[in-house]
Amino acid sequence: MRVIAIIPIKMNNVRTPGKNTKPFSDGTPLIHLIQKKLLNCKNIDDVFVYCSNE
């Protein structure tokens, strides 16, 4: 059985616009930090990002 991870990203956040693509503590965007952690998980086969403009 394959295990996938889906990362839902809302691009037009009202309270903090662009929070998922802004540089985080070390200059890396938040989405990259989340994606990197999931890709390093041994139990996860694939990682997909779902972007919403709403």
PDB file of N, CA and C in Angstrom:
ATOM      1  N   MET A   1       0.840  -1.177   0.000  1.00  0.00           N
ATOM      2  CA  MET A   1       0.000   0.000   0.000  1.00  0.00           C
ATOM      3  C   MET A   1       0.889   1.246   0.000  1.00  0.00           C
ATOM      4  N   ARG A   2       0.543   2.202  -0.859  1.00  0.00           N
ATOM      5  CA  ARG A   2       1.280   3.461  -0.930  1.00  0.00           C
ATOM      6  C   ARG A   2       0.646   4.484   0.014  1.00  0.00           C
ATOM      7  N   VAL A   3       1.478   5.286   0.613  1.00  0.00           N
ATOM      8  CA  VAL A   3       1.010   6.331   1.528  1.00  0.00           C
ATOM      9  C   VAL A   3       1.404   7.671   0.927  1.00  0.00           C
ATOM     10  N   ILE A   4       0.415   8.569   0.802  1.00  0.00           N
ATOM     11  CA  ILE A   4       0.698   9.904   0.284  1.00  0.00           C
ATOM     12  C   ILE A   4       0.357  10.951   1.336  1.00  0.00           C
ATOM     13  N   ALA A   5       1.032  12.078   1.237  1.00  0.00           N
ATOM     14  CA  ALA A   5       0.744  13.223   2.108  1.00  0.00           C
ATOM     15  C   ALA A   5       0.300  14.370   1.207  1.00  0.00           C
ATOM     16  N   ILE A   6      -0.753  15.053   1.604  1.00  0.00           N
ATOM     17  CA  ILE A   6      -1.253  16.198   0.856  1.00  0.00           C
ATOM     18  C   ILE A   6      -1.119  17.428   1.749  1.00  0.00           C
ATOM     19  N   ILE A   7      -0.440  18.446   1.224  1.00  0.00           N
ATOM     20  CA  ILE A   7      -0.250  19.690   1.963  1.00  0.00           C
ATOM     21  C   ILE A   7      -1.204  20.732   1.373  1.00  0.00           C
ATOM     22  N   PRO A   8      -2.247  21.110   2.110  1.00  0.00           N
ATOM     23  CA  PRO A   8      -3.155  22.147   1.598  1.00  0.00           C
ATOM     24  C   PRO A   8      -2.583  23.541   1.878  1.00  0.00           C
ATOM     25  N   ILE A   9      -2.434  24.327   0.844  1.00  0.00           N
ATOM     26  CA  ILE A   9      -1.873  25.674   0.980  1.00  0.00           C
ATOM     27  C   ILE A   9      -2.896  26.683   0.474  1.00  0.00           C
ATOM     28  N   LYS A  10      -3.252  27.624   1.311  1.00  0.00           N
ATOM     29  CA  LYS A  10      -4.160  28.703   0.921  1.00  0.00           C
ATOM     30  C   LYS A  10      -3.297  29.915   0.591  1.00  0.00           C
ATOM     31  N   MET A  11      -3.307  30.323  -0.668  1.00  0.00           N
ATOM     32  CA  MET A  11      -2.427  31.401  -1.113  1.00  0.00           C
ATOM     33  C   MET A  11      -2.914  32.786  -0.693  1.00  0.00           C
ATOM     34  N   ASN A  12      -4.218  32.986  -0.623  1.00  0.00           N
ATOM     35  CA  ASN A  12      -4.758  34.306  -0.273  1.00  0.00           C
ATOM     36  C   ASN A  12      -5.231  34.325   1.173  1.00  0.00           C
ATOM     37  N   ASN A  13      -4.320  34.207   2.101  1.00  0.00           N
ATOM     38  CA  ASN A  13      -4.657  34.231   3.508  1.00  0.00           C
ATOM     39  C   ASN A  13      -4.992  35.660   3.913  1.00  0.00           C
ATOM     40  N   VAL A  14      -6.085  35.856   4.619  1.00  0.00           N
ATOM     41  CA  VAL A  14      -6.549  37.196   4.986  1.00  0.00           C
ATOM     42  C   VAL A  14      -5.729  37.777   6.131  1.00  0.00           C
ATOM     43  N   ARG A  15      -5.505  36.998   7.191  1.00  0.00           N
ATOM     44  CA  ARG A  15      -4.803  37.522   8.372  1.00  0.00           C
ATOM     45  C   ARG A  15      -3.310  37.719   8.135  1.00  0.00           C
ATOM     46  N   THR A  16      -2.681  36.791   7.422  1.00  0.00           N
ATOM     47  CA  THR A  16      -1.251  36.895   7.144  1.00  0.00           C
ATOM     48  C   THR A  16      -1.019  36.589   5.666  1.00  0.00           C
ATOM     49  N   PRO A  17      -1.150  37.578   4.797  1.00  0.00           N
ATOM     50  CA  PRO A  17      -1.010  37.343   3.361  1.00  0.00           C
ATOM     51  C   PRO A  17       0.364  36.768   2.996  1.00  0.00           C
ATOM     52  N   GLY A  18       0.345  35.723   2.189  1.00  0.00           N
ATOM     53  CA  GLY A  18       1.587  35.123   1.698  1.00  0.00           C
ATOM     54  C   GLY A  18       2.409  34.389   2.733  1.00  0.00           C
ATOM     55  N   LYS A  19       1.803  33.982   3.850  1.00  0.00           N
ATOM     56  CA  LYS A  19       2.574  33.382   4.942  1.00  0.00           C
ATOM     57  C   LYS A  19       3.270  32.087   4.535  1.00  0.00           C
ATOM     58  N   ASN A  20       2.719  31.358   3.586  1.00  0.00           N
ATOM     59  CA  ASN A  20       3.312  30.082   3.193  1.00  0.00           C
ATOM     60  C   ASN A  20       4.519  30.240   2.283  1.00  0.00           C
ATOM     61  N   THR A  21       4.665  31.392   1.657  1.00  0.00           N
ATOM     62  CA  THR A  21       5.794  31.616   0.761  1.00  0.00           C
ATOM     63  C   THR A  21       6.798  32.632   1.302  1.00  0.00           C
ATOM     64  N   LYS A  22       6.505  33.236   2.430  1.00  0.00           N
ATOM     65  CA  LYS A  22       7.454  34.180   3.031  1.00  0.00           C
ATOM     66  C   LYS A  22       8.599  33.431   3.694  1.00  0.00           C
ATOM     67  N   PRO A  23       9.799  34.024   3.689  1.00  0.00           N
ATOM     68  CA  PRO A  23      10.939  33.380   4.357  1.00  0.00           C
ATOM     69  C   PRO A  23      10.678  33.202   5.853  1.00  0.00           C
ATOM     70  N   PHE A  24      11.026  32.033   6.363  1.00  0.00           N
ATOM     71  CA  PHE A  24      10.858  31.708   7.770  1.00  0.00           C
ATOM     72  C   PHE A  24      12.155  32.031   8.497  1.00  0.00           C
ATOM     73  N   SER A  25      12.411  31.439   9.628  1.00  0.00           N
ATOM     74  CA  SER A  25      13.545  31.786  10.487  1.00  0.00           C
ATOM     75  C   SER A  25      14.900  31.720   9.782  1.00  0.00           C
ATOM     76  N   ASP A  26      15.122  30.707   8.944  1.00  0.00           N
ATOM     77  CA  ASP A  26      16.419  30.585   8.279  1.00  0.00           C
ATOM     78  C   ASP A  26      16.378  31.053   6.826  1.00  0.00           C
ATOM     79  N   GLY A  27      15.319  31.745   6.421  1.00  0.00           N
ATOM     80  CA  GLY A  27      15.194  32.244   5.061  1.00  0.00           C
ATOM     81  C   GLY A  27      14.448  31.305   4.127  1.00  0.00           C
ATOM     82  N   THR A  28      14.094  30.130   4.627  1.00  0.00           N
ATOM     83  CA  THR A  28      13.371  29.147   3.828  1.00  0.00           C
ATOM     84  C   THR A  28      11.875  29.387   3.963  1.00  0.00           C
ATOM     85  N   PRO A  29      11.130  29.364   2.852  1.00  0.00           N
ATOM     86  CA  PRO A  29       9.676  29.527   2.946  1.00  0.00           C
ATOM     87  C   PRO A  29       9.045  28.403   3.768  1.00  0.00           C
ATOM     88  N   LEU A  30       7.957  28.712   4.449  1.00  0.00           N
ATOM     89  CA  LEU A  30       7.276  27.761   5.319  1.00  0.00           C
ATOM     90  C   LEU A  30       6.880  26.487   4.570  1.00  0.00           C
ATOM     91  N   ILE A  31       6.397  26.618   3.344  1.00  0.00           N
ATOM     92  CA  ILE A  31       5.985  25.441   2.577  1.00  0.00           C
ATOM     93  C   ILE A  31       7.167  24.498   2.348  1.00  0.00           C
ATOM     94  N   HIS A  32       8.367  25.031   2.160  1.00  0.00           N
ATOM     95  CA  HIS A  32       9.543  24.187   1.947  1.00  0.00           C
ATOM     96  C   HIS A  32       9.919  23.428   3.214  1.00  0.00           C
ATOM     97  N   LEU A  33       9.753  24.070   4.358  1.00  0.00           N
ATOM     98  CA  LEU A  33      10.056  23.390   5.625  1.00  0.00           C
ATOM     99  C   LEU A  33       9.109  22.214   5.848  1.00  0.00           C
ATOM    100  N   ILE A  34       7.829  22.424   5.576  1.00  0.00           N
ATOM    101  CA  ILE A  34       6.832  21.358   5.739  1.00  0.00           C
ATOM    102  C   ILE A  34       7.102  20.232   4.747  1.00  0.00           C
ATOM    103  N   GLN A  35       7.356  20.601   3.506  1.00  0.00           N
ATOM    104  CA  GLN A  35       7.603  19.616   2.454  1.00  0.00           C
ATOM    105  C   GLN A  35       8.851  18.787   2.753  1.00  0.00           C
ATOM    106  N   LYS A  36       9.892  19.424   3.216  1.00  0.00           N
ATOM    107  CA  LYS A  36      11.144  18.729   3.542  1.00  0.00           C
ATOM    108  C   LYS A  36      10.932  17.694   4.650  1.00  0.00           C
ATOM    109  N   LYS A  37      10.190  18.075   5.677  1.00  0.00           N
ATOM    110  CA  LYS A  37       9.905  17.141   6.774  1.00  0.00           C
ATOM    111  C   LYS A  37       9.131  15.924   6.278  1.00  0.00           C
ATOM    112  N   LEU A  38       8.130  16.150   5.443  1.00  0.00           N
ATOM    113  CA  LEU A  38       7.331  15.034   4.938  1.00  0.00           C
ATOM    114  C   LEU A  38       8.131  14.142   3.995  1.00  0.00           C
ATOM    115  N   LEU A  39       8.989  14.724   3.170  1.00  0.00           N
ATOM    116  CA  LEU A  39       9.801  13.928   2.249  1.00  0.00           C
ATOM    117  C   LEU A  39      10.818  13.061   2.987  1.00  0.00           C
ATOM    118  N   ASN A  40      11.196  13.477   4.183  1.00  0.00           N
ATOM    119  CA  ASN A  40      12.156  12.702   4.986  1.00  0.00           C
ATOM    120  C   ASN A  40      11.495  11.585   5.794  1.00  0.00           C
ATOM    121  N   CYS A  41      10.159  11.541   5.822  1.00  0.00           N
ATOM    122  CA  CYS A  41       9.450  10.481   6.541  1.00  0.00           C
ATOM    123  C   CYS A  41       9.555   9.170   5.765  1.00  0.00           C
ATOM    124  N   LYS A  42       9.989   8.128   6.427  1.00  0.00           N
ATOM    125  CA  LYS A  42      10.169   6.837   5.772  1.00  0.00           C
ATOM    126  C   LYS A  42       8.854   6.183   5.390  1.00  0.00           C
ATOM    127  N   ASN A  43       7.770   6.497   6.078  1.00  0.00           N
ATOM    128  CA  ASN A  43       6.475   5.864   5.830  1.00  0.00           C
ATOM    129  C   ASN A  43       5.658   6.544   4.738  1.00  0.00           C
ATOM    130  N   ILE A  44       6.122   7.679   4.224  1.00  0.00           N
ATOM    131  CA  ILE A  44       5.387   8.413   3.198  1.00  0.00           C
ATOM    132  C   ILE A  44       6.063   8.210   1.846  1.00  0.00           C
ATOM    133  N   ASP A  45       5.269   7.783   0.871  1.00  0.00           N
ATOM    134  CA  ASP A  45       5.806   7.503  -0.465  1.00  0.00           C
ATOM    135  C   ASP A  45       5.830   8.743  -1.363  1.00  0.00           C
ATOM    136  N   ASP A  46       4.777   9.536  -1.320  1.00  0.00           N
ATOM    137  CA  ASP A  46       4.675  10.722  -2.175  1.00  0.00           C
ATOM    138  C   ASP A  46       4.109  11.891  -1.390  1.00  0.00           C
ATOM    139  N   VAL A  47       4.523  13.100  -1.788  1.00  0.00           N
ATOM    140  CA  VAL A  47       4.026  14.330  -1.164  1.00  0.00           C
ATOM    141  C   VAL A  47       3.468  15.218  -2.266  1.00  0.00           C
ATOM    142  N   PHE A  48       2.232  15.684  -2.072  1.00  0.00           N
ATOM    143  CA  PHE A  48       1.585  16.566  -3.033  1.00  0.00           C
ATOM    144  C   PHE A  48       1.196  17.858  -2.326  1.00  0.00           C
ATOM    145  N   VAL A  49       1.267  18.961  -3.076  1.00  0.00           N
ATOM    146  CA  VAL A  49       0.866  20.265  -2.556  1.00  0.00           C
ATOM    147  C   VAL A  49      -0.376  20.703  -3.317  1.00  0.00           C
ATOM    148  N   TYR A  50      -1.424  21.043  -2.574  1.00  0.00           N
ATOM    149  CA  TYR A  50      -2.661  21.561  -3.162  1.00  0.00           C
ATOM    150  C   TYR A  50      -2.739  23.049  -2.848  1.00  0.00           C
ATOM    151  N   CYS A  51      -2.738  23.876  -3.882  1.00  0.00           N
ATOM    152  CA  CYS A  51      -2.798  25.334  -3.705  1.00  0.00           C
ATOM    153  C   CYS A  51      -4.197  25.845  -4.027  1.00  0.00           C
ATOM    154  N   SER A  52      -4.728  26.656  -3.125  1.00  0.00           N
ATOM    155  CA  SER A  52      -6.043  27.254  -3.324  1.00  0.00           C
ATOM    156  C   SER A  52      -5.892  28.769  -3.405  1.00  0.00           C
ATOM    157  N   ASN A  53      -6.558  29.388  -4.341  1.00  0.00           N
ATOM    158  CA  ASN A  53      -6.523  30.838  -4.477  1.00  0.00           C
ATOM    159  C   ASN A  53      -7.696  31.506  -3.796  1.00  0.00           C
ATOM    160  N   GLU A  54      -8.491  30.753  -3.076  1.00  0.00           N
ATOM    161  CA  GLU A  54      -9.661  31.330  -2.418  1.00  0.00           C
ATOM    162  C   GLU A  54      -9.341  31.754  -1.028  1.00  0.00           C
TER     163      GLU A  54
END
